Amino acid sequence: MLGIQSVASYLPKGRVDNLEQADRFETDREFVEQKIGVATLPRFEDTDSVVSACVAAFDRLCGKANIDKSEIECVVLCTQNPDKGGLPHNSALVHAALELPEECACFDIGLGCSGYVYGLSVIQSFMAANRMKRGLFFTCDPYSRILDHDDKNTCLLFGDAASVTLISETPRYTLATAKFSTKGAGSDALQKTANGLEMNGRAVFNFALQDVPKQIKRTLVSAELTADDIDLFLLHQGSRFMLENTIKRAGIPAEKAPIRLSATGNTVSSSIPLLLEEELDNRPRRILMSGFGVGLSWATAIYEEVKSS
């Protein structure tokens, strides 16, 4: 059965001091630290790109897992801000940079904060349907490219990162169940405009508090589980205040749901794999992941550890 074997990430060297940004916007520093929860933000430098960040994440993955590039049969990349405007598809550019075999399927998917949970299901289903054994799922969404740098609602929040997940027939975790939802009528809550990224923070906050906990609870019920049966809850790292309230509304024990965005900010589709990479060595038995945001789109999945034979 296909599933998650290993995860690695990449954070660019460029950094923005978020407290200095708060001063620039005449915003209270305590609000930035306690409510947004972000002290520094990783930012792409001029030499960074979606492709180079994905390659850097792959290089780190090679230090964790024995990878024969000739065996990679599939590459999927989740991004909404691709290099070269998305033409050619960036997964093909990653394919070239890694010198992968021609007998390798490559395609991009355009999802944001729900992208990791969606993307895992997409690549696993595609590989299973085509009897593939080893694939790579990348995430990279440099929102810094589309920020309006005079907009405090977004400049204080979003950071750049990349991740890669090795999907294989010798997984550590396999999918147990998942649910997916979309509220396209609310898509204007977070959108790209002529001025850059525009966000209705109140609408996004209400969506996270109202819709996400319901889906988490439905996913648990469908799996015949309770929050007590889950060892780790990995929720999209939107903002500290939003996370704290979503966790509470969902009935999740706070100690099981890490909040770690102080040095990363909201890294969109990369936020969950950044958490997952840190937690894998702790060997949680069951992991619930929930991604939610732009679209409006949200998805929740439960992964279970593969028992040793």
C-alpha atoms as a PDB file:
ATOM      1  CA  MET A   1       0.000   0.000   0.000  1.00  0.00           C
ATOM      2  CA  LEU A   2       1.239   3.483  -0.880  1.00  0.00           C
ATOM      3  CA  GLY A   3       1.811   6.132   1.755  1.00  0.00           C
ATOM      4  CA  ILE A   4       4.184   8.612   3.348  1.00  0.00           C
ATOM      5  CA  GLN A   5       7.739   7.326   3.756  1.00  0.00           C
ATOM      6  CA  SER A   6       9.647  10.529   4.539  1.00  0.00           C
ATOM      7  CA  VAL A   7       9.320  14.336   4.544  1.00  0.00           C
ATOM      8  CA  ALA A   8      11.858  17.142   4.165  1.00  0.00           C
ATOM      9  CA  SER A   9      11.565  20.912   3.892  1.00  0.00           C
ATOM     10  CA  TYR A  10      13.457  24.034   2.901  1.00  0.00           C
ATOM     11  CA  LEU A  11      13.346  27.538   4.365  1.00  0.00           C
ATOM     12  CA  PRO A  12      15.120  30.311   2.447  1.00  0.00           C
ATOM     13  CA  LYS A  13      17.920  32.251   4.117  1.00  0.00           C
ATOM     14  CA  GLY A  14      16.192  35.599   3.587  1.00  0.00           C
ATOM     15  CA  ARG A  15      14.450  36.856   6.734  1.00  0.00           C
ATOM     16  CA  VAL A  16      12.091  39.687   7.626  1.00  0.00           C
ATOM     17  CA  ASP A  17      11.860  40.919  11.209  1.00  0.00           C
ATOM     18  CA  ASN A  18       8.127  40.984  11.811  1.00  0.00           C
ATOM     19  CA  LEU A  19       8.373  43.240  14.842  1.00  0.00           C
ATOM     20  CA  GLU A  20      10.186  45.833  12.768  1.00  0.00           C
ATOM     21  CA  GLN A  21       7.420  45.470  10.205  1.00  0.00           C
ATOM     22  CA  ALA A  22       4.909  46.071  12.984  1.00  0.00           C
ATOM     23  CA  ASP A  23       6.647  49.348  13.771  1.00  0.00           C
ATOM     24  CA  ARG A  24       6.498  50.330  10.106  1.00  0.00           C
ATOM     25  CA  PHE A  25       2.766  49.707  10.046  1.00  0.00           C
ATOM     26  CA  GLU A  26       2.327  51.373  13.466  1.00  0.00           C
ATOM     27  CA  THR A  27       0.949  48.063  14.761  1.00  0.00           C
ATOM     28  CA  ASP A  28       1.336  46.976  18.371  1.00  0.00           C
ATOM     29  CA  ARG A  29       4.226  44.512  18.748  1.00  0.00           C
ATOM     30  CA  GLU A  30       2.363  42.504  21.361  1.00  0.00           C
ATOM     31  CA  PHE A  31      -0.481  41.985  18.888  1.00  0.00           C
ATOM     32  CA  VAL A  32       1.986  40.652  16.298  1.00  0.00           C
ATOM     33  CA  GLU A  33       3.612  38.288  18.796  1.00  0.00           C
ATOM     34  CA  GLN A  34       0.500  37.069  20.610  1.00  0.00           C
ATOM     35  CA  LYS A  35      -2.308  37.202  18.033  1.00  0.00           C
ATOM     36  CA  ILE A  36      -0.528  36.695  14.710  1.00  0.00           C
ATOM     37  CA  GLY A  37       2.194  34.696  16.427  1.00  0.00           C
ATOM     38  CA  VAL A  38       4.993  35.478  13.971  1.00  0.00           C
ATOM     39  CA  ALA A  39       8.335  36.995  14.988  1.00  0.00           C
ATOM     40  CA  THR A  40      10.303  36.446  11.756  1.00  0.00           C
ATOM     41  CA  LEU A  41       9.303  35.545   8.219  1.00  0.00           C
ATOM     42  CA  PRO A  42      11.366  33.529   5.709  1.00  0.00           C
ATOM     43  CA  ARG A  43      11.495  35.309   2.365  1.00  0.00           C
ATOM     44  CA  PHE A  44      12.740  34.287  -1.063  1.00  0.00           C
ATOM     45  CA  GLU A  45      15.847  36.161  -2.144  1.00  0.00           C
ATOM     46  CA  ASP A  46      16.530  37.104  -5.757  1.00  0.00           C
ATOM     47  CA  THR A  47      18.333  33.802  -6.333  1.00  0.00           C
ATOM     48  CA  ASP A  48      15.465  31.700  -4.951  1.00  0.00           C
ATOM     49  CA  SER A  49      12.736  30.165  -7.081  1.00  0.00           C
ATOM     50  CA  VAL A  50      10.049  27.514  -6.746  1.00  0.00           C
ATOM     51  CA  VAL A  51      12.314  25.088  -8.573  1.00  0.00           C
ATOM     52  CA  SER A  52      15.468  25.845  -6.565  1.00  0.00           C
ATOM     53  CA  ALA A  53      13.521  25.612  -3.280  1.00  0.00           C
ATOM     54  CA  CYS A  54      12.063  22.244  -4.292  1.00  0.00           C
ATOM     55  CA  VAL A  55      15.511  20.978  -5.256  1.00  0.00           C
ATOM     56  CA  ALA A  56      16.887  22.140  -1.893  1.00  0.00           C
ATOM     57  CA  ALA A  57      14.091  20.264  -0.097  1.00  0.00           C
ATOM     58  CA  PHE A  58      14.877  17.166  -2.167  1.00  0.00           C
ATOM     59  CA  ASP A  59      18.562  17.397  -1.228  1.00  0.00           C
ATOM     60  CA  ARG A  60      17.542  17.325   2.437  1.00  0.00           C
ATOM     61  CA  LEU A  61      15.239  14.368   1.760  1.00  0.00           C
ATOM     62  CA  CYS A  62      18.185  12.424   0.335  1.00  0.00           C
ATOM     63  CA  GLY A  63      19.875  12.783   3.714  1.00  0.00           C
ATOM     64  CA  LYS A  64      16.922  11.006   5.344  1.00  0.00           C
ATOM     65  CA  ALA A  65      15.947   8.324   2.845  1.00  0.00           C
ATOM     66  CA  ASN A  66      17.819   6.122   0.390  1.00  0.00           C
ATOM     67  CA  ILE A  67      16.578   7.455  -2.946  1.00  0.00           C
ATOM     68  CA  ASP A  68      17.461   6.068  -6.360  1.00  0.00           C
ATOM     69  CA  LYS A  69      16.330   8.779  -8.757  1.00  0.00           C
ATOM     70  CA  SER A  70      15.973   6.235 -11.562  1.00  0.00           C
ATOM     71  CA  GLU A  71      13.075   4.696  -9.589  1.00  0.00           C
ATOM     72  CA  ILE A  72      11.001   7.886  -9.321  1.00  0.00           C
ATOM     73  CA  GLU A  73       7.881   7.452 -11.446  1.00  0.00           C
ATOM     74  CA  CYS A  74       5.830  10.502 -10.497  1.00  0.00           C
ATOM     75  CA  VAL A  75       6.358  14.144  -9.505  1.00  0.00           C
ATOM     76  CA  VAL A  76       3.485  16.351  -8.342  1.00  0.00           C
ATOM     77  CA  LEU A  77       3.985  19.988  -7.342  1.00  0.00           C
ATOM     78  CA  CYS A  78       1.452  22.088  -5.459  1.00  0.00           C
ATOM     79  CA  THR A  79       1.845  25.829  -6.085  1.00  0.00           C
ATOM     80  CA  GLN A  80      -0.235  28.878  -6.939  1.00  0.00           C
ATOM     81  CA  ASN A  81       2.783  31.090  -7.625  1.00  0.00           C
ATOM     82  CA  PRO A  82       4.914  29.112 -10.081  1.00  0.00           C
ATOM     83  CA  ASP A  83       8.100  30.172 -11.823  1.00  0.00           C
ATOM     84  CA  LYS A  84       7.669  31.526 -15.361  1.00  0.00           C
ATOM     85  CA  GLY A  85       3.956  32.028 -14.782  1.00  0.00           C
ATOM     86  CA  GLY A  86       3.412  28.271 -14.751  1.00  0.00           C
ATOM     87  CA  LEU A  87       4.418  27.707 -18.371  1.00  0.00           C
ATOM     88  CA  PRO A  88       6.039  25.230 -18.535  1.00  0.00           C
ATOM     89  CA  HIS A  89       4.566  23.443 -15.542  1.00  0.00           C
ATOM     90  CA  ASN A  90       7.042  23.696 -12.696  1.00  0.00           C
ATOM     91  CA  SER A  91       7.047  19.969 -11.955  1.00  0.00           C
ATOM     92  CA  ALA A  92       8.681  19.533 -15.371  1.00  0.00           C
ATOM     93  CA  LEU A  93      11.334  22.085 -14.409  1.00  0.00           C
ATOM     94  CA  VAL A  94      11.950  20.231 -11.142  1.00  0.00           C
ATOM     95  CA  HIS A  95      12.151  17.005 -13.156  1.00  0.00           C
ATOM     96  CA  ALA A  96      14.871  18.536 -15.326  1.00  0.00           C
ATOM     97  CA  ALA A  97      16.788  19.991 -12.383  1.00  0.00           C
ATOM     98  CA  LEU A  98      16.831  16.610 -10.620  1.00  0.00           C
ATOM     99  CA  GLU A  99      17.653  14.740 -13.843  1.00  0.00           C
ATOM    100  CA  LEU A 100      14.856  12.254 -13.325  1.00  0.00           C
ATOM    101  CA  PRO A 101      14.043   9.535 -15.881  1.00  0.00           C
ATOM    102  CA  GLU A 102      11.808  10.291 -18.860  1.00  0.00           C
ATOM    103  CA  GLU A 103       9.450   7.530 -17.732  1.00  0.00           C
ATOM    104  CA  CYS A 104       8.154   9.851 -15.024  1.00  0.00           C
ATOM    105  CA  ALA A 105       4.746  11.554 -14.866  1.00  0.00           C
ATOM    106  CA  CYS A 106       4.871  15.230 -13.854  1.00  0.00           C
ATOM    107  CA  PHE A 107       2.047  17.668 -13.185  1.00  0.00           C
ATOM    108  CA  ASP A 108       1.163  20.670 -11.021  1.00  0.00           C
ATOM    109  CA  ILE A 109      -1.902  21.309  -8.901  1.00  0.00           C
ATOM    110  CA  GLY A 110      -3.067  24.813  -8.012  1.00  0.00           C
ATOM    111  CA  LEU A 111      -4.217  24.778  -4.421  1.00  0.00           C
ATOM    112  CA  GLY A 112      -3.219  26.874  -1.440  1.00  0.00           C
ATOM    113  CA  CYS A 113      -3.579  26.166   2.264  1.00  0.00           C
ATOM    114  CA  SER A 114      -5.522  22.918   1.737  1.00  0.00           C
ATOM    115  CA  GLY A 115      -3.015  21.781  -0.870  1.00  0.00           C
ATOM    116  CA  TYR A 116      -0.994  19.336   1.197  1.00  0.00           C
ATOM    117  CA  VAL A 117      -3.956  17.236   2.283  1.00  0.00           C
ATOM    118  CA  TYR A 118      -5.486  17.337  -1.197  1.00  0.00           C
ATOM    119  CA  GLY A 119      -2.153  16.711  -2.886  1.00  0.00           C
ATOM    120  CA  LEU A 120      -1.308  13.636  -0.846  1.00  0.00           C
ATOM    121  CA  SER A 121      -4.580  12.051  -1.924  1.00  0.00           C
ATOM    122  CA  VAL A 122      -4.037  13.082  -5.553  1.00  0.00           C
ATOM    123  CA  ILE A 123      -0.542  11.630  -5.908  1.00  0.00           C
ATOM    124  CA  GLN A 124      -1.370   8.440  -3.999  1.00  0.00           C
ATOM    125  CA  SER A 125      -4.503   7.840  -6.085  1.00  0.00           C
ATOM    126  CA  PHE A 126      -2.674   8.580  -9.355  1.00  0.00           C
ATOM    127  CA  MET A 127       0.188   6.286  -8.465  1.00  0.00           C
ATOM    128  CA  ALA A 128      -2.108   3.482  -7.326  1.00  0.00           C
ATOM    129  CA  ALA A 129      -4.200   3.698 -10.492  1.00  0.00           C
ATOM    130  CA  ASN A 130      -1.064   3.428 -12.615  1.00  0.00           C
ATOM    131  CA  ARG A 131       0.782   0.861 -10.478  1.00  0.00           C
ATOM    132  CA  MET A 132       3.622   3.204  -9.587  1.00  0.00           C
ATOM    133  CA  LYS A 133       5.870   2.511  -6.620  1.00  0.00           C
ATOM    134  CA  ARG A 134       7.810   5.714  -5.828  1.00  0.00           C
ATOM    135  CA  GLY A 135       6.837   9.344  -6.253  1.00  0.00           C
ATOM    136  CA  LEU A 136       7.632  12.838  -4.966  1.00  0.00           C
ATOM    137  CA  PHE A 137       5.063  15.367  -3.805  1.00  0.00           C
ATOM    138  CA  PHE A 138       6.394  18.943  -3.579  1.00  0.00           C
ATOM    139  CA  THR A 139       4.812  22.063  -2.094  1.00  0.00           C
ATOM    140  CA  CYS A 140       6.059  25.608  -2.614  1.00  0.00           C
ATOM    141  CA  ASP A 141       4.013  28.798  -2.600  1.00  0.00           C
ATOM    142  CA  PRO A 142       6.104  31.993  -2.339  1.00  0.00           C
ATOM    143  CA  TYR A 143       3.353  34.480  -1.533  1.00  0.00           C
ATOM    144  CA  SER A 144       6.063  37.134  -1.155  1.00  0.00           C
ATOM    145  CA  ARG A 145       5.893  37.412  -4.946  1.00  0.00           C
ATOM    146  CA  ILE A 146       2.331  38.703  -4.846  1.00  0.00           C
ATOM    147  CA  LEU A 147       2.219  40.622  -1.558  1.00  0.00           C
ATOM    148  CA  ASP A 148       1.286  44.274  -1.491  1.00  0.00           C
ATOM    149  CA  HIS A 149       4.123  45.400   0.751  1.00  0.00           C
ATOM    150  CA  ASP A 150       2.002  48.257   2.062  1.00  0.00           C
ATOM    151  CA  ASP A 151      -0.746  45.893   3.247  1.00  0.00           C
ATOM    152  CA  LYS A 152      -0.254  44.948   6.889  1.00  0.00           C
ATOM    153  CA  ASN A 153      -3.006  42.284   6.703  1.00  0.00           C
ATOM    154  CA  THR A 154      -0.800  40.071   4.534  1.00  0.00           C
ATOM    155  CA  CYS A 155       2.780  41.330   4.955  1.00  0.00           C
ATOM    156  CA  LEU A 156       2.819  40.398   8.632  1.00  0.00           C
ATOM    157  CA  LEU A 157       1.539  36.901   7.975  1.00  0.00           C
ATOM    158  CA  PHE A 158       2.965  35.012   4.990  1.00  0.00           C
ATOM    159  CA  GLY A 159       6.350  33.290   4.761  1.00  0.00           C
ATOM    160  CA  ASP A 160       8.061  31.322   1.969  1.00  0.00           C
ATOM    161  CA  ALA A 161       9.003  27.638   2.194  1.00  0.00           C
ATOM    162  CA  ALA A 162       9.083  24.369   0.267  1.00  0.00           C
ATOM    163  CA  SER A 163       8.643  20.716   1.141  1.00  0.00           C
ATOM    164  CA  VAL A 164       8.866  17.301  -0.455  1.00  0.00           C
ATOM    165  CA  THR A 165       7.193  14.072   0.630  1.00  0.00           C
ATOM    166  CA  LEU A 166       8.389  10.672  -0.542  1.00  0.00           C
ATOM    167  CA  ILE A 167       5.441   8.442  -1.433  1.00  0.00           C
ATOM    168  CA  SER A 168       6.330   4.768  -1.678  1.00  0.00           C
ATOM    169  CA  GLU A 169       5.278   1.163  -1.220  1.00  0.00           C
ATOM    170  CA  THR A 170       7.249   1.043   2.029  1.00  0.00           C
ATOM    171  CA  PRO A 171       5.483   3.819   3.922  1.00  0.00           C
ATOM    172  CA  ARG A 172       5.572   4.855   7.538  1.00  0.00           C
ATOM    173  CA  TYR A 173       2.014   6.224   7.341  1.00  0.00           C
ATOM    174  CA  THR A 174      -0.982   5.350   5.187  1.00  0.00           C
ATOM    175  CA  LEU A 175      -4.268   7.137   4.603  1.00  0.00           C
ATOM    176  CA  ALA A 176      -7.199   5.902   6.683  1.00  0.00           C
ATOM    177  CA  THR A 177      -9.899   8.392   5.677  1.00  0.00           C
ATOM    178  CA  ALA A 178     -10.319  11.924   4.348  1.00  0.00           C
ATOM    179  CA  LYS A 179     -12.944  14.578   3.629  1.00  0.00           C
ATOM    180  CA  PHE A 180     -12.784  17.495   1.199  1.00  0.00           C
ATOM    181  CA  SER A 181     -14.867  20.660   0.942  1.00  0.00           C
ATOM    182  CA  THR A 182     -15.123  23.866  -1.095  1.00  0.00           C
ATOM    183  CA  LYS A 183     -17.001  27.119  -0.634  1.00  0.00           C
ATOM    184  CA  GLY A 184     -16.324  28.844  -3.925  1.00  0.00           C
ATOM    185  CA  ALA A 185     -18.862  31.559  -3.171  1.00  0.00           C
ATOM    186  CA  GLY A 186     -16.482  32.808  -0.490  1.00  0.00           C
ATOM    187  CA  SER A 187     -13.379  32.817  -2.671  1.00  0.00           C
ATOM    188  CA  ASP A 188     -13.070  36.609  -2.636  1.00  0.00           C
ATOM    189  CA  ALA A 189     -12.006  36.395   1.021  1.00  0.00           C
ATOM    190  CA  LEU A 190      -8.448  35.698  -0.179  1.00  0.00           C
ATOM    191  CA  GLN A 191      -7.532  36.595  -3.739  1.00  0.00           C
ATOM    192  CA  LYS A 192      -4.930  38.086  -6.017  1.00  0.00           C
ATOM    193  CA  THR A 193      -5.825  41.545  -7.341  1.00  0.00           C
ATOM    194  CA  ALA A 194      -4.066  44.156  -9.436  1.00  0.00           C
ATOM    195  CA  ASN A 195      -2.512  45.511  -6.224  1.00  0.00           C
ATOM    196  CA  GLY A 196      -1.358  42.118  -4.969  1.00  0.00           C
ATOM    197  CA  LEU A 197      -2.700  39.649  -2.442  1.00  0.00           C
ATOM    198  CA  GLU A 198      -5.921  40.822  -0.806  1.00  0.00           C
ATOM    199  CA  MET A 199      -7.387  39.190   2.293  1.00  0.00           C
ATOM    200  CA  ASN A 200     -10.589  39.728   4.242  1.00  0.00           C
ATOM    201  CA  GLY A 201      -9.210  38.603   7.594  1.00  0.00           C
ATOM    202  CA  ARG A 202     -12.564  38.534   9.338  1.00  0.00           C
ATOM    203  CA  ALA A 203     -14.121  36.321   6.654  1.00  0.00           C
ATOM    204  CA  VAL A 204     -11.195  33.892   6.735  1.00  0.00           C
ATOM    205  CA  PHE A 205     -11.285  33.794  10.537  1.00  0.00           C
ATOM    206  CA  ASN A 206     -15.027  33.069  10.608  1.00  0.00           C
ATOM    207  CA  PHE A 207     -14.608  30.343   7.988  1.00  0.00           C
ATOM    208  CA  ALA A 208     -11.868  28.659  10.010  1.00  0.00           C
ATOM    209  CA  LEU A 209     -13.924  28.740  13.202  1.00  0.00           C
ATOM    210  CA  GLN A 210     -17.227  27.678  11.698  1.00  0.00           C
ATOM    211  CA  ASP A 211     -16.456  25.180   8.952  1.00  0.00           C
ATOM    212  CA  VAL A 212     -13.135  23.551   9.817  1.00  0.00           C
ATOM    213  CA  PRO A 213     -14.106  22.163  13.259  1.00  0.00           C
ATOM    214  CA  LYS A 214     -17.249  20.645  11.752  1.00  0.00           C
ATOM    215  CA  GLN A 215     -15.227  18.808   9.121  1.00  0.00           C
ATOM    216  CA  ILE A 216     -12.697  17.589  11.681  1.00  0.00           C
ATOM    217  CA  LYS A 217     -15.522  16.183  13.812  1.00  0.00           C
ATOM    218  CA  ARG A 218     -17.196  14.551  10.760  1.00  0.00           C
ATOM    219  CA  THR A 219     -13.910  12.944   9.773  1.00  0.00           C
ATOM    220  CA  LEU A 220     -13.479  11.486  13.250  1.00  0.00           C
ATOM    221  CA  VAL A 221     -17.052  10.185  13.283  1.00  0.00           C
ATOM    222  CA  SER A 222     -16.683   8.553   9.866  1.00  0.00           C
ATOM    223  CA  ALA A 223     -13.535   6.782  11.103  1.00  0.00           C
ATOM    224  CA  GLU A 224     -15.328   5.771  14.309  1.00  0.00           C
ATOM    225  CA  LEU A 225     -12.720   7.622  16.344  1.00  0.00           C
ATOM    226  CA  THR A 226     -12.653  10.405  18.918  1.00  0.00           C
ATOM    227  CA  ALA A 227     -10.081  13.111  19.583  1.00  0.00           C
ATOM    228  CA  ASP A 228      -8.651  10.846  22.283  1.00  0.00           C
ATOM    229  CA  ASP A 229      -7.759   8.267  19.605  1.00  0.00           C
ATOM    230  CA  ILE A 230      -5.609  10.769  17.685  1.00  0.00           C
ATOM    231  CA  ASP A 231      -2.025  11.264  18.855  1.00  0.00           C
ATOM    232  CA  LEU A 232      -1.244  14.355  16.778  1.00  0.00           C
ATOM    233  CA  PHE A 233      -3.341  17.069  15.117  1.00  0.00           C
ATOM    234  CA  LEU A 234      -1.549  19.013  12.402  1.00  0.00           C
ATOM    235  CA  LEU A 235      -3.594  22.068  11.468  1.00  0.00           C
ATOM    236  CA  HIS A 236      -2.659  24.618   8.840  1.00  0.00           C
ATOM    237  CA  GLN A 237      -0.635  27.347  10.518  1.00  0.00           C
ATOM    238  CA  GLY A 238      -2.682  30.407   9.569  1.00  0.00           C
ATOM    239  CA  SER A 239      -2.229  32.603  12.647  1.00  0.00           C
ATOM    240  CA  ARG A 240      -1.889  31.892  16.350  1.00  0.00           C
ATOM    241  CA  PHE A 241      -5.219  33.408  17.353  1.00  0.00           C
ATOM    242  CA  MET A 242      -7.095  31.595  14.596  1.00  0.00           C
ATOM    243  CA  LEU A 243      -5.411  28.287  15.453  1.00  0.00           C
ATOM    244  CA  GLU A 244      -6.083  28.551  19.167  1.00  0.00           C
ATOM    245  CA  ASN A 245      -9.769  29.178  18.574  1.00  0.00           C
ATOM    246  CA  THR A 246     -10.134  26.535  15.850  1.00  0.00           C
ATOM    247  CA  ILE A 247      -8.480  23.952  18.099  1.00  0.00           C
ATOM    248  CA  LYS A 248     -10.841  24.865  20.931  1.00  0.00           C
ATOM    249  CA  ARG A 249     -13.936  24.761  18.695  1.00  0.00           C
ATOM    250  CA  ALA A 250     -12.948  21.346  17.337  1.00  0.00           C
ATOM    251  CA  GLY A 251     -12.583  19.895  20.820  1.00  0.00           C
ATOM    252  CA  ILE A 252      -8.915  19.083  20.282  1.00  0.00           C
ATOM    253  CA  PRO A 253      -6.617  18.774  23.316  1.00  0.00           C
ATOM    254  CA  ALA A 254      -4.246  21.731  22.951  1.00  0.00           C
ATOM    255  CA  GLU A 255      -1.190  19.633  23.837  1.00  0.00           C
ATOM    256  CA  LYS A 256      -1.843  17.452  20.766  1.00  0.00           C
ATOM    257  CA  ALA A 257      -1.989  20.355  18.290  1.00  0.00           C
ATOM    258  CA  PRO A 258       1.362  22.150  17.908  1.00  0.00           C
ATOM    259  CA  ILE A 259       1.412  25.831  16.981  1.00  0.00           C
ATOM    260  CA  ARG A 260       4.780  26.639  15.444  1.00  0.00           C
ATOM    261  CA  LEU A 261       4.686  29.621  13.129  1.00  0.00           C
ATOM    262  CA  SER A 262       6.839  32.110  15.035  1.00  0.00           C
ATOM    263  CA  ALA A 263       9.819  31.587  12.705  1.00  0.00           C
ATOM    264  CA  THR A 264       7.913  30.607   9.555  1.00  0.00           C
ATOM    265  CA  GLY A 265       4.611  32.464   9.364  1.00  0.00           C
ATOM    266  CA  ASN A 266       1.867  31.106   7.156  1.00  0.00           C
ATOM    267  CA  THR A 267       3.695  29.072   4.492  1.00  0.00           C
ATOM    268  CA  VAL A 268       0.463  28.068   2.714  1.00  0.00           C
ATOM    269  CA  SER A 269       0.656  24.477   1.354  1.00  0.00           C
ATOM    270  CA  SER A 270       3.979  23.897   3.134  1.00  0.00           C
ATOM    271  CA  SER A 271       2.776  24.593   6.673  1.00  0.00           C
ATOM    272  CA  ILE A 272       1.557  21.064   7.463  1.00  0.00           C
ATOM    273  CA  PRO A 273       4.601  19.208   6.057  1.00  0.00           C
ATOM    274  CA  LEU A 274       6.874  21.581   8.020  1.00  0.00           C
ATOM    275  CA  LEU A 275       5.124  20.378  11.177  1.00  0.00           C
ATOM    276  CA  LEU A 276       5.037  16.757  10.044  1.00  0.00           C
ATOM    277  CA  GLU A 277       8.778  16.655   9.427  1.00  0.00           C
ATOM    278  CA  GLU A 278       9.413  17.725  13.022  1.00  0.00           C
ATOM    279  CA  GLU A 279       7.004  15.178  14.466  1.00  0.00           C
ATOM    280  CA  LEU A 280       7.810  11.989  12.531  1.00  0.00           C
ATOM    281  CA  ASP A 281      10.599  10.928  14.876  1.00  0.00           C
ATOM    282  CA  ASN A 282       8.103  10.964  17.758  1.00  0.00           C
ATOM    283  CA  ARG A 283       6.219   8.189  15.939  1.00  0.00           C
ATOM    284  CA  PRO A 284       2.619   9.223  16.583  1.00  0.00           C
ATOM    285  CA  ARG A 285       0.261   6.312  15.967  1.00  0.00           C
ATOM    286  CA  ARG A 286      -2.501   8.351  14.346  1.00  0.00           C
ATOM    287  CA  ILE A 287      -2.189  11.794  12.758  1.00  0.00           C
ATOM    288  CA  LEU A 288      -5.051  14.046  11.756  1.00  0.00           C
ATOM    289  CA  MET A 289      -4.141  16.747   9.232  1.00  0.00           C
ATOM    290  CA  SER A 290      -6.424  19.645   8.338  1.00  0.00           C
ATOM    291  CA  GLY A 291      -5.628  22.283   5.726  1.00  0.00           C
ATOM    292  CA  PHE A 292      -7.889  25.266   5.094  1.00  0.00           C
ATOM    293  CA  GLY A 293      -7.820  28.636   3.353  1.00  0.00           C
ATOM    294  CA  VAL A 294      -7.817  30.141  -0.121  1.00  0.00           C
ATOM    295  CA  GLY A 295     -10.658  28.884  -2.272  1.00  0.00           C
ATOM    296  CA  LEU A 296     -12.335  28.703   0.151  1.00  0.00           C
ATOM    297  CA  SER A 297     -11.069  25.146   0.357  1.00  0.00           C
ATOM    298  CA  TRP A 298     -10.562  22.767   3.253  1.00  0.00           C
ATOM    299  CA  ALA A 299      -9.587  19.139   3.700  1.00  0.00           C
ATOM    300  CA  THR A 300      -9.048  16.805   6.638  1.00  0.00           C
ATOM    301  CA  ALA A 301      -7.337  13.395   6.601  1.00  0.00           C
ATOM    302  CA  ILE A 302      -6.321  10.773   9.121  1.00  0.00           C
ATOM    303  CA  TYR A 303      -3.072   8.870   8.609  1.00  0.00           C
ATOM    304  CA  GLU A 304      -2.106   5.777  10.585  1.00  0.00           C
ATOM    305  CA  GLU A 305       1.336   4.396  11.351  1.00  0.00           C
ATOM    306  CA  VAL A 306       2.203   1.194   9.527  1.00  0.00           C
ATOM    307  CA  LYS A 307       2.752  -1.558  12.057  1.00  0.00           C
ATOM    308  CA  SER A 308       6.100  -3.332  11.915  1.00  0.00           C
ATOM    309  CA  SER A 309       5.835  -6.972  10.870  1.00  0.00           C
END
